[in-house]
Amino acid sequence: MRPFERVAILASIGLLMGHAMALADVPGVDESSLEWLVDSSDAIALVEVSTTGQRSTQVIKPHKLLSAQTNLKEDAPSSGVLFFREKAGHLEVFYFVDFSTKYTLKDDPPWKKYLAVDKVGHVISTREELIRRIRERIKAGSSVPVDCDRDAVEEGKSIRGGFRIHGGYHEMDDGSRSDTIYFELLVPADPEYRKAAEEALTSPEKMRSSPFFSNRDSVREILRVNYGQLKPAKTSEGGRRAEPPESRKVHPSRPN
């Protein structure tokens, strides 16, 4: 499955934590944070094409099956970063960042090339920053839990090891038109989200002002599943859980 073809299948516990009413007329995008991509990958490689047209591969996150001679799929970008996972004894590209993308995002306030976004919604717009941030995350030893089903998390069927948060509003331009979009951002279960989740549960006002969360039941479930806190979330009024809005659109900047 190619990048951005994954549309989150929202679980009945209300994992989508965006502000549904405010998003009624705003295109939503299921996006993976750079931290999730690094932590959930088994290998990462930088591919580039020289001025003479020769393609080279540089290993960033090592794996026994990855080398500079690894054959890449035809649909992989000529220049960019590839994220791999091991499946049935071989590596598969599950996501890539294309350095030649035409998409830009408006970010406080200038327009920036849109390569990736981090776990707090910051737009990463240069090759140098992207590679530096990847290397820093790898050096820190960050990884998803061993019992994390990465595909299930991305499909919205699990929140063990990762979950979606409010990723903010952005103005996007594809070279021909500009639109306001909203990120449902997939992030790893880093320690700072525990503190933010606990604070959001202290009062309705704190929940409303939380930069990440908006659903009390889903926050309780995140704490229980990822941080060993709280009992399973109670069902909403009437014995049923509130239905989340329809799954968001895939990002248009990746191939179909």
Protein backbone atom coordinates (compact mmCIF):
# COMPACT_ATOMS: atom_id res chain seq x y z
CA MET A 1 0.00 0.00 0.00
CA ARG A 2 1.42 3.36 -1.01
CA PRO A 3 1.71 6.39 1.26
CA PHE A 4 -1.50 8.28 1.92
CA GLU A 5 -3.62 5.44 0.53
CA ARG A 6 -4.26 4.52 4.14
CA VAL A 7 -7.53 6.11 5.24
CA ALA A 8 -8.04 5.66 8.96
CA ILE A 9 -10.91 3.29 9.81
CA LEU A 10 -12.15 4.93 12.95
CA ALA A 11 -12.76 2.58 15.86
CA SER A 12 -15.97 2.62 17.85
CA ILE A 13 -14.23 3.98 20.93
CA GLY A 14 -14.05 7.35 19.23
CA LEU A 15 -10.35 7.51 18.49
CA LEU A 16 -10.71 10.48 16.19
CA MET A 17 -10.04 13.40 18.51
CA GLY A 18 -10.60 16.30 16.14
CA HIS A 19 -13.24 18.94 16.69
CA ALA A 20 -15.91 17.46 14.47
CA MET A 21 -18.34 20.35 14.41
CA ALA A 22 -15.66 22.86 13.47
CA LEU A 23 -14.40 20.58 10.72
CA ALA A 24 -17.69 20.20 8.88
CA ASP A 25 -16.54 22.21 5.86
CA VAL A 26 -12.77 21.73 6.14
CA PRO A 27 -11.05 18.91 4.20
CA GLY A 28 -9.43 16.56 6.67
CA VAL A 29 -6.13 14.76 6.11
CA ASP A 30 -4.92 11.63 7.87
CA GLU A 31 -1.21 12.30 8.18
CA SER A 32 1.62 10.49 9.94
CA SER A 33 4.04 12.53 12.02
CA LEU A 34 7.72 12.17 11.24
CA GLU A 35 8.24 10.68 14.71
CA TRP A 36 5.70 7.92 14.00
CA LEU A 37 7.31 7.18 10.64
CA VAL A 38 10.76 6.83 12.18
CA ASP A 39 9.67 4.84 15.22
CA SER A 40 7.43 2.44 13.27
CA SER A 41 9.89 1.77 10.45
CA ASP A 42 12.37 -1.10 10.30
CA ALA A 43 14.70 0.69 7.89
CA ILE A 44 15.09 4.12 6.29
CA ALA A 45 17.05 5.12 3.21
CA LEU A 46 17.88 8.35 1.40
CA VAL A 47 17.73 8.09 -2.39
CA GLU A 48 19.12 10.78 -4.68
CA VAL A 49 19.93 11.27 -8.34
CA SER A 50 23.17 12.94 -9.37
CA THR A 51 23.51 15.53 -12.11
CA THR A 52 24.58 12.70 -14.41
CA GLY A 53 21.36 10.82 -13.70
CA GLN A 54 22.90 8.13 -11.51
CA ARG A 55 20.73 7.01 -8.63
CA SER A 56 22.32 6.39 -5.24
CA THR A 57 21.02 4.98 -1.97
CA GLN A 58 22.27 5.97 1.49
CA VAL A 59 21.16 3.93 4.50
CA ILE A 60 19.93 6.09 7.40
CA LYS A 61 18.33 3.43 9.61
CA PRO A 62 20.19 0.13 9.09
CA HIS A 63 18.57 -3.24 8.53
CA LYS A 64 20.10 -6.55 7.55
CA LEU A 65 18.06 -6.57 4.34
CA LEU A 66 18.87 -2.99 3.34
CA SER A 67 22.02 -1.86 1.58
CA ALA A 68 23.08 0.70 -0.97
CA GLN A 69 22.45 -1.98 -3.60
CA THR A 70 18.85 -2.66 -2.56
CA ASN A 71 16.50 -2.62 -5.53
CA LEU A 72 13.76 -0.04 -5.15
CA LYS A 73 10.26 -0.04 -6.60
CA GLU A 74 9.62 1.86 -9.79
CA ASP A 75 7.17 4.20 -8.06
CA ALA A 76 9.73 5.27 -5.46
CA PRO A 77 10.81 8.91 -5.84
CA SER A 78 14.01 9.66 -7.71
CA SER A 79 15.09 11.82 -4.77
CA GLY A 80 13.62 11.46 -1.30
CA VAL A 81 13.45 9.40 1.89
CA LEU A 82 11.99 5.90 1.95
CA PHE A 83 10.58 4.21 5.04
CA PHE A 84 10.57 0.39 5.06
CA ARG A 85 8.96 -2.38 7.07
CA GLU A 86 9.89 -6.02 7.01
CA LYS A 87 7.10 -8.21 5.69
CA ALA A 88 7.47 -11.94 5.10
CA GLY A 89 11.24 -11.80 5.06
CA HIS A 90 11.68 -8.80 2.77
CA LEU A 91 11.51 -5.02 3.04
CA GLU A 92 8.56 -3.05 1.71
CA VAL A 93 8.32 0.72 1.29
CA PHE A 94 5.29 1.80 3.32
CA TYR A 95 5.85 5.55 3.04
CA PHE A 96 8.10 7.97 1.23
CA VAL A 97 8.88 11.67 1.20
CA ASP A 98 9.45 13.06 -2.29
CA PHE A 99 11.86 16.01 -2.40
CA SER A 100 10.31 17.17 -5.68
CA THR A 101 6.81 17.69 -4.27
CA LYS A 102 4.99 20.83 -5.44
CA TYR A 103 2.86 21.09 -2.32
CA THR A 104 3.38 23.94 0.11
CA LEU A 105 1.84 24.80 3.47
CA LYS A 106 1.48 28.19 5.10
CA ASP A 107 3.27 28.05 8.44
CA ASP A 108 3.67 31.16 10.64
CA PRO A 109 3.30 32.89 8.19
CA PRO A 110 5.47 32.13 5.11
CA TRP A 111 4.70 29.42 2.60
CA LYS A 112 6.96 26.39 2.95
CA LYS A 113 7.52 23.32 0.85
CA TYR A 114 5.65 20.47 2.51
CA LEU A 115 7.90 17.46 3.02
CA ALA A 116 6.67 16.23 6.39
CA VAL A 117 5.10 17.35 9.65
CA ASP A 118 6.27 16.61 13.17
CA LYS A 119 4.22 15.52 16.17
CA VAL A 120 3.28 19.07 17.15
CA GLY A 121 2.22 20.10 13.66
CA HIS A 122 5.45 21.88 12.66
CA VAL A 123 6.03 21.76 8.90
CA ILE A 124 9.37 20.32 7.84
CA SER A 125 10.29 21.94 4.57
CA THR A 126 13.95 21.27 3.82
CA ARG A 127 15.93 18.16 3.00
CA GLU A 128 18.52 19.08 5.64
CA GLU A 129 16.02 19.46 8.49
CA LEU A 130 14.21 16.27 7.52
CA ILE A 131 17.35 14.14 7.56
CA ARG A 132 18.64 15.79 10.74
CA ARG A 133 15.36 15.15 12.56
CA ILE A 134 15.30 11.52 11.41
CA ARG A 135 18.86 10.92 12.60
CA GLU A 136 18.14 12.57 15.96
CA ARG A 137 15.10 10.38 16.52
CA ILE A 138 17.05 7.24 15.65
CA LYS A 139 19.95 8.27 17.92
CA ALA A 140 17.50 8.76 20.81
CA GLY A 141 16.53 5.10 20.45
CA SER A 142 12.84 5.79 20.00
CA SER A 143 10.68 2.90 18.83
CA VAL A 144 7.11 1.67 19.04
CA PRO A 145 6.37 -1.02 21.70
CA VAL A 146 7.10 -4.59 20.68
CA ASP A 147 3.38 -5.39 20.93
CA CYS A 148 2.38 -2.50 18.68
CA ASP A 149 0.50 -3.60 15.57
CA ARG A 150 1.68 -0.81 13.29
CA ASP A 151 -0.75 -1.49 10.47
CA ALA A 152 -3.68 -1.69 12.90
CA VAL A 153 -2.70 1.64 14.45
CA GLU A 154 -2.57 3.29 11.03
CA GLU A 155 -5.96 1.82 10.14
CA GLY A 156 -7.51 3.09 13.36
CA LYS A 157 -8.09 -0.40 14.75
CA SER A 158 -5.65 -0.03 17.64
CA ILE A 159 -4.13 2.72 19.75
CA ARG A 160 -1.36 0.66 21.30
CA GLY A 161 1.85 2.55 20.60
CA GLY A 162 0.28 5.33 18.55
CA PHE A 163 -2.87 7.37 18.14
CA ARG A 164 -4.28 10.38 16.32
CA ILE A 165 -4.38 13.87 17.75
CA HIS A 166 -5.55 17.28 16.64
CA GLY A 167 -2.79 18.39 14.27
CA GLY A 168 -4.02 21.87 13.49
CA TYR A 169 -5.30 23.80 10.51
CA HIS A 170 -3.09 24.66 7.57
CA GLU A 171 -3.46 26.43 4.27
CA MET A 172 -2.22 24.19 1.45
CA ASP A 173 -1.30 25.05 -2.13
CA ASP A 174 -0.63 22.50 -4.88
CA GLY A 175 0.55 25.02 -7.45
CA SER A 176 -2.87 25.62 -8.93
CA ARG A 177 -5.21 26.20 -5.98
CA SER A 178 -5.15 26.87 -2.26
CA ASP A 179 -7.33 25.21 0.40
CA THR A 180 -7.58 25.13 4.16
CA ILE A 181 -7.02 21.61 5.49
CA TYR A 182 -7.00 19.97 8.90
CA PHE A 183 -4.54 17.33 10.08
CA GLU A 184 -5.57 14.24 12.02
CA LEU A 185 -2.00 13.53 13.06
CA LEU A 186 -0.74 10.04 13.91
CA VAL A 187 1.84 10.25 16.69
CA PRO A 188 3.75 7.71 18.80
CA ALA A 189 2.79 7.33 22.46
CA ASP A 190 5.51 9.67 23.72
CA PRO A 191 5.61 10.65 27.43
CA GLU A 192 4.41 14.23 26.90
CA TYR A 193 1.00 12.99 25.70
CA ARG A 194 0.47 11.25 29.03
CA LYS A 195 0.80 14.58 30.83
CA ALA A 196 -1.41 16.35 28.30
CA ALA A 197 -4.05 13.62 28.54
CA GLU A 198 -4.08 13.67 32.33
CA GLU A 199 -4.43 17.44 32.33
CA ALA A 200 -7.27 17.34 29.78
CA LEU A 201 -9.24 15.04 32.09
CA THR A 202 -9.09 17.39 35.07
CA SER A 203 -12.01 19.53 33.90
CA PRO A 204 -14.28 20.21 30.90
CA GLU A 205 -12.50 23.53 30.42
CA LYS A 206 -9.11 21.80 30.20
CA MET A 207 -10.51 19.35 27.67
CA ARG A 208 -11.88 22.16 25.50
CA SER A 209 -8.58 24.02 25.60
CA SER A 210 -6.37 20.96 24.98
CA PRO A 211 -4.21 21.36 21.86
CA PHE A 212 -4.35 17.61 21.22
CA PHE A 213 -7.57 16.06 22.52
CA SER A 214 -11.30 16.70 22.60
CA ASN A 215 -12.96 13.40 23.55
CA ARG A 216 -12.93 12.31 27.18
CA ASP A 217 -13.54 8.60 26.54
CA SER A 218 -10.79 8.34 23.94
CA VAL A 219 -8.34 10.15 26.22
CA ARG A 220 -9.09 7.70 29.04
CA GLU A 221 -8.54 4.82 26.62
CA ILE A 222 -5.21 6.25 25.47
CA LEU A 223 -4.05 6.46 29.09
CA ARG A 224 -5.23 2.94 29.85
CA VAL A 225 -3.75 1.27 26.78
CA ASN A 226 -0.46 3.14 26.54
CA TYR A 227 0.38 4.32 30.04
CA GLY A 228 -1.26 1.70 32.27
CA GLN A 229 -3.77 4.07 33.82
CA LEU A 230 -7.50 4.15 34.42
CA LYS A 231 -10.19 1.58 33.81
CA PRO A 232 -11.75 1.02 30.37
CA ALA A 233 -13.69 4.06 29.24
CA LYS A 234 -17.39 4.12 29.93
CA THR A 235 -19.87 4.17 27.10
CA SER A 236 -21.54 7.43 26.28
CA GLU A 237 -25.11 8.34 27.21
CA GLY A 238 -27.62 5.64 26.34
CA GLY A 239 -25.03 2.86 26.45
CA ARG A 240 -23.57 3.64 23.03
CA ARG A 241 -20.32 5.30 22.15
CA ALA A 242 -20.50 8.51 20.21
CA GLU A 243 -19.98 7.89 16.51
CA PRO A 244 -16.95 9.67 15.03
CA PRO A 245 -17.25 11.65 11.80
CA GLU A 246 -16.52 9.94 8.52
CA SER A 247 -12.93 9.01 7.78
CA ARG A 248 -10.86 11.83 6.39
CA LYS A 249 -9.50 12.12 2.87
CA VAL A 250 -6.05 10.94 1.94
CA HIS A 251 -3.42 13.59 1.30
CA PRO A 252 -3.35 14.66 -2.37
CA SER A 253 0.42 15.04 -2.58
CA ARG A 254 1.15 11.34 -2.79
CA PRO A 255 0.53 9.08 -5.81
CA ASN A 256 -2.63 7.03 -6.11
